[in-house]
Amino acid sequence: MKKTTAAILIGAAVLGAGFIWHLDHGISMFALTDYGDKNTNSHSDAEIREAVSPVRKEFQDYEGCVMTKLKYSEELTQMELDPDISNGIWEDYDDIIVLDSTFTTSALVSGTGWDGHTQRGWKWTVLHTADNGWQCYGGGRG
């Protein structure tokens, strides 16, 4: 019985330390990645998966934050693809994917102005060129 209790306590300590390390280092722990409706998407799951990768990499710079949801948005993607809406600012790129996200910030991180909050509707624009593949243009409120 004592060995079982000790193993549980050690496991809990390791998990707790890992969680705090993730919060402190901005590593994205994605609870959910939603690829949208396969029947109506203009992009394949493979393309969306490729676009998610640079977003995860960019999100690592969001120190003390944990991504809880990342979703492909067909509606926002179509708006960015429409030159009348986007004013042609993406004309040098051959494709665009927009991802919508929710993430939480850690109260342990000070000075960000976001401490202990949940950010919803954070948009990530991911652009594609034949030479560079998918690259994250950035994130921000849509």
C-alpha atoms as a PDB file:
ATOM      1  CA  MET A   1       0.000   0.000   0.000  1.00  0.00           C
ATOM      2  CA  LYS A   2       2.838   2.405   0.846  1.00  0.00           C
ATOM      3  CA  LYS A   3       4.507   1.827  -2.535  1.00  0.00           C
ATOM      4  CA  THR A   4       1.253   2.620  -4.372  1.00  0.00           C
ATOM      5  CA  THR A   5       0.752   5.852  -2.428  1.00  0.00           C
ATOM      6  CA  ALA A   6       4.363   6.885  -3.035  1.00  0.00           C
ATOM      7  CA  ALA A   7       4.033   6.161  -6.773  1.00  0.00           C
ATOM      8  CA  ILE A   8       0.844   8.231  -6.980  1.00  0.00           C
ATOM      9  CA  LEU A   9       2.440  11.158  -5.138  1.00  0.00           C
ATOM     10  CA  ILE A  10       5.537  11.061  -7.337  1.00  0.00           C
ATOM     11  CA  GLY A  11       3.400  10.881 -10.484  1.00  0.00           C
ATOM     12  CA  ALA A  12       1.286  13.834  -9.343  1.00  0.00           C
ATOM     13  CA  ALA A  13       4.400  15.860  -8.549  1.00  0.00           C
ATOM     14  CA  VAL A  14       5.902  15.154 -11.977  1.00  0.00           C
ATOM     15  CA  LEU A  15       2.663  16.097 -13.756  1.00  0.00           C
ATOM     16  CA  GLY A  16       2.304  19.265 -11.675  1.00  0.00           C
ATOM     17  CA  ALA A  17       5.890  20.320 -12.349  1.00  0.00           C
ATOM     18  CA  GLY A  18       5.416  19.654 -16.059  1.00  0.00           C
ATOM     19  CA  PHE A  19       2.234  21.741 -16.158  1.00  0.00           C
ATOM     20  CA  ILE A  20       3.920  24.664 -14.388  1.00  0.00           C
ATOM     21  CA  TRP A  21       6.910  24.372 -16.735  1.00  0.00           C
ATOM     22  CA  HIS A  22       4.534  24.508 -19.728  1.00  0.00           C
ATOM     23  CA  LEU A  23       2.807  27.604 -18.355  1.00  0.00           C
ATOM     24  CA  ASP A  24       6.101  29.322 -17.697  1.00  0.00           C
ATOM     25  CA  HIS A  25       7.573  28.525 -21.114  1.00  0.00           C
ATOM     26  CA  GLY A  26       4.537  29.197 -23.311  1.00  0.00           C
ATOM     27  CA  ILE A  27       4.429  25.711 -24.755  1.00  0.00           C
ATOM     28  CA  SER A  28       1.126  25.173 -26.455  1.00  0.00           C
ATOM     29  CA  MET A  29      -0.874  22.315 -25.064  1.00  0.00           C
ATOM     30  CA  PHE A  30      -3.690  21.922 -27.559  1.00  0.00           C
ATOM     31  CA  ALA A  31      -6.826  20.424 -26.067  1.00  0.00           C
ATOM     32  CA  LEU A  32      -8.688  20.493 -29.370  1.00  0.00           C
ATOM     33  CA  THR A  33      -7.850  21.078 -33.010  1.00  0.00           C
ATOM     34  CA  ASP A  34     -10.988  21.328 -35.135  1.00  0.00           C
ATOM     35  CA  TYR A  35     -10.588  20.895 -38.895  1.00  0.00           C
ATOM     36  CA  GLY A  36     -14.097  22.110 -39.700  1.00  0.00           C
ATOM     37  CA  ASP A  37     -16.618  20.458 -41.982  1.00  0.00           C
ATOM     38  CA  LYS A  38     -14.872  18.219 -44.516  1.00  0.00           C
ATOM     39  CA  ASN A  39     -17.869  18.506 -46.867  1.00  0.00           C
ATOM     40  CA  THR A  40     -17.714  22.300 -47.147  1.00  0.00           C
ATOM     41  CA  ASN A  41     -14.058  23.168 -46.489  1.00  0.00           C
ATOM     42  CA  SER A  42     -12.082  24.660 -49.345  1.00  0.00           C
ATOM     43  CA  HIS A  43      -8.925  23.114 -47.832  1.00  0.00           C
ATOM     44  CA  SER A  44      -8.104  19.485 -47.122  1.00  0.00           C
ATOM     45  CA  ASP A  45      -7.339  18.162 -43.637  1.00  0.00           C
ATOM     46  CA  ALA A  46      -3.719  17.711 -44.773  1.00  0.00           C
ATOM     47  CA  GLU A  47      -3.439  21.388 -45.784  1.00  0.00           C
ATOM     48  CA  ILE A  48      -5.002  22.522 -42.519  1.00  0.00           C
ATOM     49  CA  ARG A  49      -2.663  20.245 -40.551  1.00  0.00           C
ATOM     50  CA  GLU A  50       0.299  21.794 -42.368  1.00  0.00           C
ATOM     51  CA  ALA A  51      -1.003  25.296 -41.532  1.00  0.00           C
ATOM     52  CA  VAL A  52      -1.389  24.392 -37.849  1.00  0.00           C
ATOM     53  CA  SER A  53       2.327  23.609 -37.496  1.00  0.00           C
ATOM     54  CA  PRO A  54       3.654  27.185 -37.906  1.00  0.00           C
ATOM     55  CA  VAL A  55       0.906  28.465 -35.585  1.00  0.00           C
ATOM     56  CA  ARG A  56       2.051  26.084 -32.862  1.00  0.00           C
ATOM     57  CA  LYS A  57       5.624  27.236 -33.379  1.00  0.00           C
ATOM     58  CA  GLU A  58       4.601  30.922 -33.214  1.00  0.00           C
ATOM     59  CA  PHE A  59       2.481  30.281 -30.128  1.00  0.00           C
ATOM     60  CA  GLN A  60       5.523  29.062 -28.219  1.00  0.00           C
ATOM     61  CA  ASP A  61       6.545  32.745 -28.011  1.00  0.00           C
ATOM     62  CA  TYR A  62       3.326  33.491 -26.076  1.00  0.00           C
ATOM     63  CA  GLU A  63       5.014  32.933 -22.736  1.00  0.00           C
ATOM     64  CA  GLY A  64       2.801  31.513 -20.025  1.00  0.00           C
ATOM     65  CA  CYS A  65      -0.132  30.756 -22.336  1.00  0.00           C
ATOM     66  CA  VAL A  66      -1.958  27.495 -23.002  1.00  0.00           C
ATOM     67  CA  MET A  67      -3.866  26.983 -26.258  1.00  0.00           C
ATOM     68  CA  THR A  68      -7.186  25.319 -25.478  1.00  0.00           C
ATOM     69  CA  LYS A  69      -8.800  25.400 -28.919  1.00  0.00           C
ATOM     70  CA  LEU A  70      -7.643  25.879 -32.482  1.00  0.00           C
ATOM     71  CA  LYS A  71     -10.210  25.740 -35.268  1.00  0.00           C
ATOM     72  CA  TYR A  72     -10.081  26.086 -39.037  1.00  0.00           C
ATOM     73  CA  SER A  73     -12.478  28.851 -40.081  1.00  0.00           C
ATOM     74  CA  GLU A  74     -13.856  28.494 -43.594  1.00  0.00           C
ATOM     75  CA  GLU A  75     -15.712  31.806 -43.240  1.00  0.00           C
ATOM     76  CA  LEU A  76     -12.631  33.809 -42.214  1.00  0.00           C
ATOM     77  CA  THR A  77     -10.484  32.030 -44.797  1.00  0.00           C
ATOM     78  CA  GLN A  78     -12.922  32.963 -47.586  1.00  0.00           C
ATOM     79  CA  MET A  79     -12.974  36.586 -46.403  1.00  0.00           C
ATOM     80  CA  GLU A  80      -9.168  36.770 -46.620  1.00  0.00           C
ATOM     81  CA  LEU A  81      -9.183  35.084 -50.031  1.00  0.00           C
ATOM     82  CA  ASP A  82     -11.631  37.697 -51.363  1.00  0.00           C
ATOM     83  CA  PRO A  83      -9.505  40.544 -52.828  1.00  0.00           C
ATOM     84  CA  ASP A  84     -12.385  43.015 -52.362  1.00  0.00           C
ATOM     85  CA  ILE A  85     -12.405  42.380 -48.604  1.00  0.00           C
ATOM     86  CA  SER A  86      -8.653  41.940 -48.040  1.00  0.00           C
ATOM     87  CA  ASN A  87      -7.751  44.818 -50.395  1.00  0.00           C
ATOM     88  CA  GLY A  88      -5.352  42.529 -52.240  1.00  0.00           C
ATOM     89  CA  ILE A  89      -2.739  42.560 -49.468  1.00  0.00           C
ATOM     90  CA  TRP A  90      -2.181  38.817 -49.899  1.00  0.00           C
ATOM     91  CA  GLU A  91      -1.641  38.890 -53.680  1.00  0.00           C
ATOM     92  CA  ASP A  92       1.960  37.643 -53.345  1.00  0.00           C
ATOM     93  CA  TYR A  93       0.736  34.404 -51.744  1.00  0.00           C
ATOM     94  CA  ASP A  94      -0.898  31.486 -53.503  1.00  0.00           C
ATOM     95  CA  ASP A  95      -3.098  30.361 -50.595  1.00  0.00           C
ATOM     96  CA  ILE A  96      -4.399  31.454 -47.181  1.00  0.00           C
ATOM     97  CA  ILE A  97      -5.816  29.631 -44.188  1.00  0.00           C
ATOM     98  CA  VAL A  98      -7.277  31.394 -41.161  1.00  0.00           C
ATOM     99  CA  LEU A  99      -7.437  29.602 -37.824  1.00  0.00           C
ATOM    100  CA  ASP A 100      -9.494  30.793 -34.864  1.00  0.00           C
ATOM    101  CA  SER A 101      -8.229  30.077 -31.358  1.00  0.00           C
ATOM    102  CA  THR A 102      -8.892  30.288 -27.661  1.00  0.00           C
ATOM    103  CA  PHE A 103      -6.067  30.349 -25.149  1.00  0.00           C
ATOM    104  CA  THR A 104      -5.589  31.056 -21.492  1.00  0.00           C
ATOM    105  CA  THR A 105      -2.880  33.045 -19.833  1.00  0.00           C
ATOM    106  CA  SER A 106      -1.133  32.237 -16.585  1.00  0.00           C
ATOM    107  CA  ALA A 107      -1.500  34.372 -13.503  1.00  0.00           C
ATOM    108  CA  LEU A 108       2.120  33.345 -12.831  1.00  0.00           C
ATOM    109  CA  VAL A 109       3.353  35.544 -15.675  1.00  0.00           C
ATOM    110  CA  SER A 110       3.479  39.209 -14.792  1.00  0.00           C
ATOM    111  CA  GLY A 111       3.559  42.305 -16.932  1.00  0.00           C
ATOM    112  CA  THR A 112       1.638  41.015 -19.941  1.00  0.00           C
ATOM    113  CA  GLY A 113      -1.673  42.692 -19.166  1.00  0.00           C
ATOM    114  CA  TRP A 114      -3.322  39.354 -19.955  1.00  0.00           C
ATOM    115  CA  ASP A 115      -2.542  37.609 -16.677  1.00  0.00           C
ATOM    116  CA  GLY A 116      -5.098  34.953 -15.773  1.00  0.00           C
ATOM    117  CA  HIS A 117      -7.453  35.624 -18.696  1.00  0.00           C
ATOM    118  CA  THR A 118      -8.965  33.621 -21.538  1.00  0.00           C
ATOM    119  CA  GLN A 119      -8.487  35.066 -25.011  1.00  0.00           C
ATOM    120  CA  ARG A 120     -11.247  34.071 -27.449  1.00  0.00           C
ATOM    121  CA  GLY A 121     -11.451  34.867 -31.143  1.00  0.00           C
ATOM    122  CA  TRP A 122      -7.689  35.096 -31.624  1.00  0.00           C
ATOM    123  CA  LYS A 123      -7.135  34.755 -35.381  1.00  0.00           C
ATOM    124  CA  TRP A 124      -4.052  33.269 -37.004  1.00  0.00           C
ATOM    125  CA  THR A 125      -3.438  34.019 -40.689  1.00  0.00           C
ATOM    126  CA  VAL A 126      -1.276  31.372 -42.340  1.00  0.00           C
ATOM    127  CA  LEU A 127       0.019  32.109 -45.822  1.00  0.00           C
ATOM    128  CA  HIS A 128       1.403  29.762 -48.470  1.00  0.00           C
ATOM    129  CA  THR A 129       3.955  30.189 -51.235  1.00  0.00           C
ATOM    130  CA  ALA A 130       5.472  27.507 -53.421  1.00  0.00           C
ATOM    131  CA  ASP A 131       8.963  28.484 -52.228  1.00  0.00           C
ATOM    132  CA  ASN A 132       8.309  28.727 -48.487  1.00  0.00           C
ATOM    133  CA  GLY A 133       5.284  26.526 -47.807  1.00  0.00           C
ATOM    134  CA  TRP A 134       2.922  27.559 -45.001  1.00  0.00           C
ATOM    135  CA  GLN A 135       4.093  30.416 -42.773  1.00  0.00           C
ATOM    136  CA  CYS A 136       2.259  32.115 -39.922  1.00  0.00           C
ATOM    137  CA  TYR A 137       1.708  35.788 -40.687  1.00  0.00           C
ATOM    138  CA  GLY A 138       0.674  36.408 -37.112  1.00  0.00           C
ATOM    139  CA  GLY A 139      -2.092  36.292 -34.592  1.00  0.00           C
ATOM    140  CA  GLY A 140      -4.476  38.877 -33.247  1.00  0.00           C
ATOM    141  CA  ARG A 141      -8.033  39.822 -32.577  1.00  0.00           C
ATOM    142  CA  GLY A 142     -10.187  39.506 -35.649  1.00  0.00           C
END
